[in-house]
Protein backbone atom coordinates (compact mmCIF):
# COMPACT_ATOMS: atom_id res chain seq x y z
CA MET A 1 -2.50 -12.44 -5.93
CA LYS A 2 -4.14 -15.74 -6.73
CA LEU A 3 -6.50 -17.71 -4.09
CA SER A 4 -6.29 -21.56 -4.02
CA THR A 5 -10.05 -21.65 -5.02
CA ASN A 6 -11.75 -23.81 -7.76
CA ILE A 7 -12.51 -20.65 -9.65
CA GLY A 8 -8.96 -18.99 -9.23
CA LEU A 9 -9.46 -14.92 -8.75
CA ASP A 10 -6.55 -12.76 -8.77
CA LEU A 11 -7.63 -10.76 -5.71
CA GLU A 12 -5.70 -7.66 -6.25
CA TYR A 13 -7.07 -7.13 -9.98
CA GLY A 14 -10.25 -8.51 -9.40
CA LYS A 15 -10.22 -10.59 -12.52
CA LEU A 16 -12.11 -13.88 -12.49
CA ALA A 17 -10.26 -16.80 -14.36
CA ASN A 18 -13.32 -19.01 -14.56
CA LYS A 19 -14.79 -17.95 -18.02
CA SER A 20 -18.15 -19.93 -17.37
CA ASP A 21 -19.73 -17.83 -15.06
CA LYS A 22 -22.88 -16.60 -16.23
CA PRO A 23 -24.41 -13.05 -15.39
CA LEU A 24 -28.17 -13.19 -13.99
CA ARG A 25 -30.24 -11.71 -16.14
CA THR A 26 -32.23 -8.53 -15.10
CA ARG A 27 -34.51 -6.43 -17.10
CA SER A 28 -33.55 -2.77 -16.19
CA LEU A 29 -30.36 -1.39 -14.46
CA PRO A 30 -27.67 -1.00 -17.54
CA LYS A 31 -24.27 -1.45 -15.98
CA PRO A 32 -21.66 0.95 -16.75
CA HIS A 33 -18.39 0.34 -18.84
CA ASN A 34 -15.98 1.56 -16.28
CA GLN A 35 -17.09 -0.49 -13.34
CA PRO A 36 -14.20 -0.34 -11.06
CA PHE A 37 -14.70 3.64 -11.26
CA PHE A 38 -18.18 3.84 -10.61
CA SER A 39 -18.48 1.18 -8.00
CA GLY A 40 -15.33 2.83 -5.81
CA LEU A 41 -17.53 5.93 -6.33
CA ALA A 42 -20.29 4.76 -4.98
CA TYR A 43 -18.54 3.09 -2.14
CA CYS A 44 -16.94 6.00 -1.21
CA LEU A 45 -19.98 8.66 -1.34
CA SER A 46 -22.37 5.93 0.46
CA SER A 47 -19.59 5.22 3.66
CA CYS A 48 -18.82 8.98 4.22
CA SER A 49 -22.61 9.38 4.48
CA MET A 50 -23.14 6.55 6.33
CA ILE A 51 -20.59 7.34 9.02
CA LEU A 52 -21.55 11.28 9.28
CA ILE A 53 -25.83 9.91 9.85
CA ASN A 54 -24.99 7.37 12.22
CA LYS A 55 -22.78 9.54 14.02
CA PHE A 56 -25.76 12.11 14.21
CA VAL A 57 -28.09 9.68 15.36
CA LEU A 58 -25.67 8.02 18.02
CA SER A 59 -24.57 12.00 19.31
CA SER A 60 -27.41 14.31 18.63
CA TYR A 61 -30.39 11.90 19.91
CA ASP A 62 -28.18 10.33 22.61
CA PHE A 63 -28.98 7.16 20.69
CA ASN A 64 -27.94 4.08 22.95
CA ALA A 65 -29.11 1.20 20.82
CA GLY A 66 -26.41 0.91 18.08
CA VAL A 67 -27.40 -3.14 17.41
CA SER A 68 -31.05 -2.05 17.15
CA LEU A 69 -29.82 0.46 14.35
CA MET A 70 -27.43 -1.93 12.60
CA PHE A 71 -30.82 -4.50 12.53
CA TYR A 72 -33.13 -1.82 11.17
CA GLN A 73 -30.60 -0.74 8.36
CA SER A 74 -30.53 -4.71 7.66
CA LEU A 75 -34.53 -5.21 7.54
CA ILE A 76 -34.50 -2.35 5.25
CA SER A 77 -32.19 -3.79 2.84
CA VAL A 78 -34.01 -6.94 2.87
CA ILE A 79 -37.38 -5.45 2.12
CA VAL A 80 -35.94 -3.04 -0.90
CA VAL A 81 -34.01 -5.97 -2.30
CA SER A 82 -36.98 -8.42 -2.00
CA VAL A 83 -39.41 -5.92 -3.56
CA LEU A 84 -36.91 -4.69 -6.28
CA ASN A 85 -36.57 -9.01 -7.20
CA LEU A 86 -40.53 -9.20 -6.85
CA LEU A 87 -41.02 -6.52 -9.54
CA GLY A 88 -38.55 -8.10 -11.76
CA LEU A 89 -36.22 -4.99 -11.74
CA VAL A 90 -33.25 -7.44 -10.40
CA SER A 91 -32.73 -10.85 -9.68
CA THR A 92 -31.29 -12.80 -6.61
CA GLU A 93 -30.16 -16.32 -6.17
CA PRO A 94 -32.82 -18.48 -3.67
CA LEU A 95 -31.52 -18.78 -0.32
CA THR A 96 -30.69 -22.43 0.21
CA TRP A 97 -29.38 -24.08 3.06
CA ARG A 98 -26.09 -24.95 1.35
CA LEU A 99 -25.54 -21.56 0.60
CA VAL A 100 -26.48 -20.28 4.15
CA LYS A 101 -23.54 -22.30 5.29
CA VAL A 102 -21.04 -21.14 3.18
CA TRP A 103 -22.01 -17.32 3.93
CA LEU A 104 -23.05 -17.62 7.25
CA PRO A 105 -18.91 -17.43 8.73
CA VAL A 106 -18.36 -14.11 6.45
CA ASN A 107 -21.90 -12.77 7.68
CA VAL A 108 -20.66 -13.23 11.34
CA ILE A 109 -17.84 -11.21 10.61
CA PHE A 110 -19.98 -8.62 8.84
CA VAL A 111 -22.17 -8.23 11.91
CA GLY A 112 -19.11 -7.81 14.31
CA MET A 113 -18.04 -5.31 11.79
CA LEU A 114 -21.19 -3.22 11.68
CA VAL A 115 -21.51 -3.09 15.46
CA THR A 116 -18.30 -2.42 16.74
CA SER A 117 -18.67 0.42 13.98
CA MET A 118 -21.55 1.70 16.09
CA PHE A 119 -20.01 1.32 19.27
CA SER A 120 -16.86 2.91 18.53
CA LEU A 121 -18.48 5.83 16.46
CA LYS A 122 -20.66 6.89 19.64
CA TYR A 123 -17.70 7.74 21.49
CA ILE A 124 -14.89 8.87 19.21
CA ASN A 125 -15.15 11.73 17.00
CA VAL A 126 -15.60 11.02 13.05
CA ALA A 127 -11.74 12.42 12.33
CA MET A 128 -10.13 10.43 14.41
CA VAL A 129 -12.38 7.52 13.63
CA THR A 130 -10.99 7.90 10.42
CA ILE A 131 -7.50 8.11 11.07
CA LEU A 132 -7.81 5.05 13.43
CA LYS A 133 -9.42 2.91 10.44
CA ASN A 134 -5.86 3.22 8.85
CA VAL A 135 -4.93 0.22 11.32
CA THR A 136 -7.49 -1.58 8.99
CA ILE A 137 -5.31 -1.20 6.02
CA VAL A 138 -1.88 -2.53 7.63
CA MET A 139 -3.90 -5.33 9.07
CA THR A 140 -5.36 -6.53 5.48
CA ALA A 141 -1.75 -5.91 4.21
CA LEU A 142 -0.38 -8.17 6.87
CA GLY A 143 -3.12 -10.77 6.08
CA GLU A 144 -2.30 -10.77 2.52
CA THR A 145 1.21 -11.12 3.01
CA TYR A 146 0.87 -14.05 5.43
CA LEU A 147 -2.23 -15.84 4.24
CA PHE A 148 -1.78 -14.90 0.25
CA LYS A 149 1.96 -14.72 0.16
CA LYS A 150 1.33 -11.25 -1.17
CA HIS A 151 4.67 -9.09 -1.80
CA HIS A 152 5.02 -5.68 -0.89
CA ASP A 153 7.78 -2.96 -1.61
CA ALA A 154 9.41 -0.84 0.41
CA ARG A 155 7.31 2.20 0.20
CA VAL A 156 4.09 0.36 1.17
CA TRP A 157 5.64 -0.73 4.06
CA ALA A 158 7.00 2.83 5.00
CA ALA A 159 3.43 4.07 4.31
CA LEU A 160 2.01 1.61 6.61
CA PHE A 161 4.44 2.54 9.33
CA LEU A 162 3.53 6.26 8.84
CA MET A 163 -0.28 5.35 9.43
CA ILE A 164 0.64 3.45 12.45
CA LEU A 165 2.32 6.34 13.92
CA SER A 166 -0.40 8.79 12.89
CA ALA A 167 -3.06 6.84 14.79
CA ILE A 168 -0.70 6.68 17.97
CA THR A 169 0.06 10.14 17.82
CA GLY A 170 -3.61 11.06 17.11
CA GLY A 171 -4.74 9.03 20.13
CA ILE A 172 -2.14 10.84 22.71
CA THR A 173 -3.20 13.88 21.48
CA ASP A 174 -6.86 13.35 21.34
CA LEU A 175 -8.64 16.01 23.43
CA SER A 176 -12.07 13.80 23.71
CA PHE A 177 -10.09 10.37 24.11
CA HIS A 178 -12.17 7.53 25.46
CA ALA A 179 -10.68 4.27 26.35
CA THR A 180 -13.86 2.09 25.45
CA GLY A 181 -14.53 4.11 22.05
CA TYR A 182 -10.79 3.13 20.91
CA ALA A 183 -11.05 -0.48 22.30
CA TRP A 184 -14.17 -0.79 20.04
CA GLN A 185 -12.32 0.75 16.96
CA ILE A 186 -9.44 -1.27 17.25
CA LEU A 187 -12.04 -4.64 17.12
CA ASN A 188 -13.68 -2.99 14.37
CA CYS A 189 -10.32 -2.58 12.44
CA PHE A 190 -9.72 -6.36 13.16
CA LEU A 191 -12.93 -7.42 11.85
CA THR A 192 -13.38 -5.42 8.70
CA ALA A 193 -9.61 -6.31 7.36
CA SER A 194 -10.73 -10.01 8.08
CA TYR A 195 -14.24 -9.22 6.12
CA SER A 196 -12.33 -7.99 3.01
CA LEU A 197 -9.73 -10.90 2.86
CA THR A 198 -12.33 -13.56 3.42
CA LEU A 199 -15.41 -12.24 1.26
CA ARG A 200 -13.59 -12.80 -1.98
CA ARG A 201 -13.06 -16.43 -1.01
CA VAL A 202 -16.64 -16.97 0.12
CA MET A 203 -17.96 -15.25 -3.02
CA ASP A 204 -16.42 -17.68 -4.84
CA MET A 205 -17.35 -20.89 -2.94
CA ALA A 206 -21.04 -19.68 -2.83
CA LYS A 207 -21.09 -19.36 -6.64
CA GLN A 208 -20.37 -23.19 -6.44
CA VAL A 209 -23.53 -23.96 -4.61
CA THR A 210 -25.94 -21.54 -6.59
CA LYS A 211 -28.47 -22.90 -8.97
CA SER A 212 -27.10 -20.49 -11.79
CA GLY A 213 -23.41 -21.08 -11.05
CA ASN A 214 -23.29 -16.95 -10.28
CA LEU A 215 -24.00 -14.67 -7.43
CA ASN A 216 -24.69 -11.40 -8.16
CA GLU A 217 -24.35 -8.19 -5.73
CA PHE A 218 -27.92 -8.02 -5.25
CA SER A 219 -28.08 -11.69 -4.36
CA MET A 220 -25.06 -10.86 -1.81
CA VAL A 221 -26.72 -8.01 -0.22
CA LEU A 222 -30.06 -9.98 0.30
CA LEU A 223 -28.15 -12.76 1.70
CA ASN A 224 -25.84 -11.04 4.01
CA ASN A 225 -28.43 -8.56 5.51
CA THR A 226 -31.24 -11.50 5.80
CA LEU A 227 -28.38 -13.51 7.87
CA SER A 228 -28.19 -10.24 9.91
CA LEU A 229 -31.37 -10.30 11.06
CA PRO A 230 -31.54 -13.27 13.54
CA LEU A 231 -28.19 -12.32 14.69
CA GLY A 232 -29.22 -8.87 15.33
CA LEU A 233 -32.23 -9.68 17.36
CA PHE A 234 -29.99 -11.76 19.39
CA LEU A 235 -27.65 -8.83 20.02
CA ILE A 236 -30.61 -6.68 20.86
CA ILE A 237 -31.67 -9.10 23.61
CA VAL A 238 -28.05 -9.67 24.88
CA PHE A 239 -27.61 -5.67 25.22
CA ASN A 240 -31.07 -4.89 26.76
CA GLU A 241 -32.35 -2.80 23.98
CA VAL A 242 -35.58 -3.59 23.43
CA ASP A 243 -37.39 -0.94 25.74
CA TYR A 244 -35.08 1.85 24.48
CA LEU A 245 -36.52 1.18 20.91
CA LEU A 246 -40.05 2.55 21.95
CA ARG A 247 -38.20 6.12 22.03
CA THR A 248 -36.29 5.75 18.83
CA PHE A 249 -36.04 8.87 16.25
CA TRP A 250 -37.37 6.56 13.40
CA LEU A 251 -37.01 8.92 10.46
CA VAL A 252 -33.62 9.17 10.92
CA MET A 253 -33.27 5.68 11.50
CA THR A 254 -35.00 4.71 8.17
CA PHE A 255 -32.46 7.25 5.95
CA SER A 256 -29.64 5.37 7.79
CA GLY A 257 -31.07 2.16 6.71
CA PHE A 258 -31.24 3.36 2.93
CA LEU A 259 -27.68 4.42 3.04
CA GLY A 260 -26.79 1.04 4.55
CA LEU A 261 -28.24 -0.68 1.77
CA ALA A 262 -26.33 1.64 -0.45
CA ILE A 263 -22.79 0.81 1.34
CA SER A 264 -23.75 -2.93 1.38
CA PHE A 265 -24.32 -3.19 -2.46
CA SER A 266 -21.49 -0.57 -3.10
CA SER A 267 -18.81 -2.16 -1.03
CA MET A 268 -19.69 -5.63 -2.56
CA TRP A 269 -20.00 -4.38 -6.18
CA PHE A 270 -16.54 -2.52 -5.55
CA LEU A 271 -14.62 -5.24 -3.71
CA HIS A 272 -16.19 -7.61 -6.90
CA HIS A 273 -14.33 -5.65 -9.35
CA THR A 274 -10.85 -4.88 -7.43
CA GLY A 275 -9.26 -6.47 -4.29
CA ALA A 276 -8.62 -6.55 -0.60
CA THR A 277 -5.65 -3.80 -0.62
CA THR A 278 -7.69 -1.58 -3.22
CA TYR A 279 -10.79 -1.81 -1.24
CA SER A 280 -9.07 -0.62 2.29
CA LEU A 281 -6.82 1.87 -0.13
CA VAL A 282 -10.10 3.63 -1.54
CA GLY A 283 -12.03 3.56 1.73
CA SER A 284 -8.63 5.29 3.49
CA MET A 285 -8.93 8.04 0.47
CA ASN A 286 -12.11 9.17 1.16
CA LYS A 287 -11.20 9.86 5.07
CA ILE A 288 -10.27 13.54 4.03
CA PRO A 289 -13.46 15.31 3.23
CA LEU A 290 -14.98 13.13 5.55
CA SER A 291 -12.60 14.11 8.61
CA VAL A 292 -13.23 17.95 7.24
CA ALA A 293 -17.12 17.23 7.51
CA GLY A 294 -16.87 15.70 10.65
CA ILE A 295 -15.03 18.24 12.63
CA ILE A 296 -17.21 21.04 11.08
CA LEU A 297 -20.27 19.41 11.39
CA PHE A 298 -20.22 18.00 15.06
CA LYS A 299 -18.05 20.66 16.53
CA ALA A 300 -15.18 18.16 17.62
CA PRO A 301 -12.85 19.43 20.09
CA THR A 302 -9.35 19.38 18.64
CA SER A 303 -5.93 20.94 18.97
CA LEU A 304 -2.95 21.96 16.82
CA GLU A 305 -1.04 18.55 17.91
CA ASN A 306 -4.03 16.70 17.17
CA SER A 307 -5.02 18.32 13.93
CA ALA A 308 -1.28 17.82 12.80
CA SER A 309 -1.65 14.05 13.71
CA ILE A 310 -5.23 13.76 11.58
CA LEU A 311 -3.43 15.97 8.50
CA PHE A 312 -0.24 13.46 9.20
CA GLY A 313 -2.46 10.33 8.72
CA LEU A 314 -4.46 11.34 5.54
CA LEU A 315 -0.75 12.21 4.08
CA ALA A 316 0.07 8.99 4.98
CA GLY A 317 -2.84 7.58 3.19
CA VAL A 318 -2.11 9.60 0.13
CA PHE A 319 1.45 8.39 0.08
CA PHE A 320 -0.02 4.65 0.42
CA ALA A 321 -1.79 5.44 -2.49
CA LYS A 322 1.07 6.08 -4.35
CA ALA A 323 3.17 3.58 -3.22
CA LYS A 324 0.67 0.88 -3.84
CA MET A 325 0.15 2.14 -7.65
CA ARG A 326 4.43 2.06 -7.91
CA ASP A 327 4.27 -1.64 -6.34
CA LYS A 328 1.19 -2.88 -8.63
CA THR A 329 3.75 -1.45 -11.93
């Protein structure tokens, strides 16, 4: 699927057509040969851990400051990447006004994606969140078809239909159904699909306004999280979370912040070497261990019907994976 940009990306296979890109030099951190595999593995591990620790914070401590948690995670990411840059272990692009203007729209989507995820996770159990996230894959596939004229065969559309069906049946049989949580999750699906569809194009536009003509993953993590801070502060005031922060469990929040850095880096690294649909696809595949862990760790109330719906949704994700492999072939 070719995007109409000056660089000319193949979004599905993650290949750069522009051969003039020059990688930024760093003094360490050799890159593995099979970067799509390792970036996907890092994305799966960090995303699963992130959801579980956020659920732990939001439920175990009756945490009512999801925006502040997002802000703190972004702050830790900025501090860690900045320190690594000062030590010469990584290289990052300077934050110029031209670069900020290009990146700001996708950053607003990024912040919205994180905040809505916090709010939905507070009200919905982990297993149902993973199934409802299947809607993201459907939205992404529809976006690729409408925006980029990407063709999907009948097997893919059948798998997408099964995902929608599993989300509906799962919601109907959910013993802990919460309308507010479901509303936040649907909005999160829309923002996540928008983020994955627009990030690759913005990455290419951003490269054209940098001094080196390139934008590595560390630069994108620093840029994304730095721009998230002022917007996060604004939302903290809007949601009146300032007073609540005085009695926050900072140790768990700090650990969550480092996981936020890991998922920020790994998601951009993975998307850089694959594409929007593959990004959503792998995100759906790691729902199987995540759902099991969520039910066991948080003792989520479930029934035979709800468990069957969750299993149905997970199998629909596997079917989608096989359909995409055949479609690509």
